[in-house]
Amino acid sequence: MQVLVRDNNVEQALRVLKKKMQREGVFREMKARSAYEKPSEKRVREKAEAVRRYRKLARKKMQREGLLPAPKKVIRPARG
């Protein structure tokens, strides 16, 4: 993973790096590896993740087909 530092702005580069690591799931994996997870707990967690993914895909499909309203768009004020 690589982040460019522009104009010696290390703080901004660190924010970008943290965001990239969050998207990749690095923090989640580090937390999971910090302690032993029993095989039964792992099965339960993976099953719950699969159900969550399935429901998310089904919800998106229903939104595309017009059976569910699309989520509200949040309008954020411009920074700067």
C-alpha atoms as a PDB file:
ATOM      1  CA  MET A   1       0.000   0.000   0.000  1.00  0.00           C
ATOM      2  CA  GLN A   2       1.429   3.370  -0.965  1.00  0.00           C
ATOM      3  CA  VAL A   3       0.511   6.952  -0.083  1.00  0.00           C
ATOM      4  CA  LEU A   4       2.137  10.031  -1.537  1.00  0.00           C
ATOM      5  CA  VAL A   5       3.078  12.922   0.766  1.00  0.00           C
ATOM      6  CA  ARG A   6       2.442  16.255  -0.915  1.00  0.00           C
ATOM      7  CA  ASP A   7       4.030  19.512   0.279  1.00  0.00           C
ATOM      8  CA  ASN A   8       5.369  17.788   3.423  1.00  0.00           C
ATOM      9  CA  ASN A   9       1.768  17.355   4.642  1.00  0.00           C
ATOM     10  CA  VAL A  10       2.259  14.184   6.665  1.00  0.00           C
ATOM     11  CA  GLU A  11      -1.028  14.551   8.578  1.00  0.00           C
ATOM     12  CA  GLN A  12      -3.062  14.427   5.369  1.00  0.00           C
ATOM     13  CA  ALA A  13      -1.045  11.455   4.109  1.00  0.00           C
ATOM     14  CA  LEU A  14      -1.698   9.605   7.380  1.00  0.00           C
ATOM     15  CA  ARG A  15      -5.449  10.256   7.080  1.00  0.00           C
ATOM     16  CA  VAL A  16      -5.403   8.879   3.528  1.00  0.00           C
ATOM     17  CA  LEU A  17      -3.406   5.828   4.665  1.00  0.00           C
ATOM     18  CA  LYS A  18      -5.807   5.114   7.536  1.00  0.00           C
ATOM     19  CA  LYS A  19      -8.776   5.383   5.195  1.00  0.00           C
ATOM     20  CA  LYS A  20      -7.167   2.948   2.725  1.00  0.00           C
ATOM     21  CA  MET A  21      -6.357   0.503   5.523  1.00  0.00           C
ATOM     22  CA  GLN A  22      -9.935   0.756   6.817  1.00  0.00           C
ATOM     23  CA  ARG A  23     -11.319  -0.032   3.343  1.00  0.00           C
ATOM     24  CA  GLU A  24      -9.008  -3.021   2.971  1.00  0.00           C
ATOM     25  CA  GLY A  25     -10.056  -4.414   6.368  1.00  0.00           C
ATOM     26  CA  VAL A  26      -6.585  -4.321   7.903  1.00  0.00           C
ATOM     27  CA  PHE A  27      -7.809  -3.026  11.273  1.00  0.00           C
ATOM     28  CA  ARG A  28     -10.577  -5.634  11.460  1.00  0.00           C
ATOM     29  CA  GLU A  29      -8.079  -8.397  10.713  1.00  0.00           C
ATOM     30  CA  MET A  30      -5.594  -7.117  13.299  1.00  0.00           C
ATOM     31  CA  LYS A  31      -8.341  -7.112  15.935  1.00  0.00           C
ATOM     32  CA  ALA A  32      -9.408 -10.636  14.951  1.00  0.00           C
ATOM     33  CA  ARG A  33      -5.844 -11.945  15.176  1.00  0.00           C
ATOM     34  CA  SER A  34      -5.139 -10.302  18.536  1.00  0.00           C
ATOM     35  CA  ALA A  35      -6.961 -13.091  20.398  1.00  0.00           C
ATOM     36  CA  TYR A  36      -7.727 -16.733  19.730  1.00  0.00           C
ATOM     37  CA  GLU A  37     -11.104 -17.437  18.184  1.00  0.00           C
ATOM     38  CA  LYS A  38     -12.665 -20.823  18.851  1.00  0.00           C
ATOM     39  CA  PRO A  39     -13.705 -22.739  15.714  1.00  0.00           C
ATOM     40  CA  SER A  40     -17.361 -22.636  16.815  1.00  0.00           C
ATOM     41  CA  GLU A  41     -17.195 -18.845  17.243  1.00  0.00           C
ATOM     42  CA  LYS A  42     -15.553 -18.544  13.841  1.00  0.00           C
ATOM     43  CA  ARG A  43     -18.358 -20.552  12.199  1.00  0.00           C
ATOM     44  CA  VAL A  44     -21.008 -18.386  13.869  1.00  0.00           C
ATOM     45  CA  ARG A  45     -19.251 -15.165  12.821  1.00  0.00           C
ATOM     46  CA  GLU A  46     -18.743 -16.285   9.224  1.00  0.00           C
ATOM     47  CA  LYS A  47     -22.376 -17.434   8.984  1.00  0.00           C
ATOM     48  CA  ALA A  48     -23.561 -14.040  10.287  1.00  0.00           C
ATOM     49  CA  GLU A  49     -21.324 -12.228   7.774  1.00  0.00           C
ATOM     50  CA  ALA A  50     -22.728 -14.351   4.933  1.00  0.00           C
ATOM     51  CA  VAL A  51     -26.317 -13.585   5.996  1.00  0.00           C
ATOM     52  CA  ARG A  52     -25.479  -9.872   6.175  1.00  0.00           C
ATOM     53  CA  ARG A  53     -23.945  -9.935   2.674  1.00  0.00           C
ATOM     54  CA  TYR A  54     -26.946 -11.823   1.269  1.00  0.00           C
ATOM     55  CA  ARG A  55     -29.436  -9.387   2.796  1.00  0.00           C
ATOM     56  CA  LYS A  56     -27.459  -6.413   1.498  1.00  0.00           C
ATOM     57  CA  LEU A  57     -27.429  -7.831  -2.039  1.00  0.00           C
ATOM     58  CA  ALA A  58     -31.153  -8.619  -1.855  1.00  0.00           C
ATOM     59  CA  ARG A  59     -31.892  -5.079  -0.630  1.00  0.00           C
ATOM     60  CA  LYS A  60     -29.855  -3.532  -3.466  1.00  0.00           C
ATOM     61  CA  LYS A  61     -31.580  -5.766  -6.012  1.00  0.00           C
ATOM     62  CA  MET A  62     -35.024  -4.757  -4.732  1.00  0.00           C
ATOM     63  CA  GLN A  63     -34.023  -1.085  -4.888  1.00  0.00           C
ATOM     64  CA  ARG A  64     -32.883  -1.491  -8.500  1.00  0.00           C
ATOM     65  CA  GLU A  65     -36.186  -3.152  -9.387  1.00  0.00           C
ATOM     66  CA  GLY A  66     -38.142  -0.351  -7.718  1.00  0.00           C
ATOM     67  CA  LEU A  67     -39.670  -2.517  -4.993  1.00  0.00           C
ATOM     68  CA  LEU A  68     -37.930  -0.533  -2.251  1.00  0.00           C
ATOM     69  CA  PRO A  69     -37.266   3.213  -2.167  1.00  0.00           C
ATOM     70  CA  ALA A  70     -33.658   4.234  -2.740  1.00  0.00           C
ATOM     71  CA  PRO A  71     -31.765   5.440   0.322  1.00  0.00           C
ATOM     72  CA  LYS A  72     -31.860   9.160   1.023  1.00  0.00           C
ATOM     73  CA  LYS A  73     -28.805  11.020  -0.227  1.00  0.00           C
ATOM     74  CA  VAL A  74     -27.026  12.994   2.486  1.00  0.00           C
ATOM     75  CA  ILE A  75     -25.954  16.419   1.325  1.00  0.00           C
ATOM     76  CA  ARG A  76     -22.825  17.508   3.158  1.00  0.00           C
ATOM     77  CA  PRO A  77     -21.616  21.111   3.111  1.00  0.00           C
ATOM     78  CA  ALA A  78     -18.408  21.715   1.194  1.00  0.00           C
ATOM     79  CA  ARG A  79     -15.241  21.975   3.261  1.00  0.00           C
ATOM     80  CA  GLY A  80     -12.864  24.839   2.847  1.00  0.00           C
END
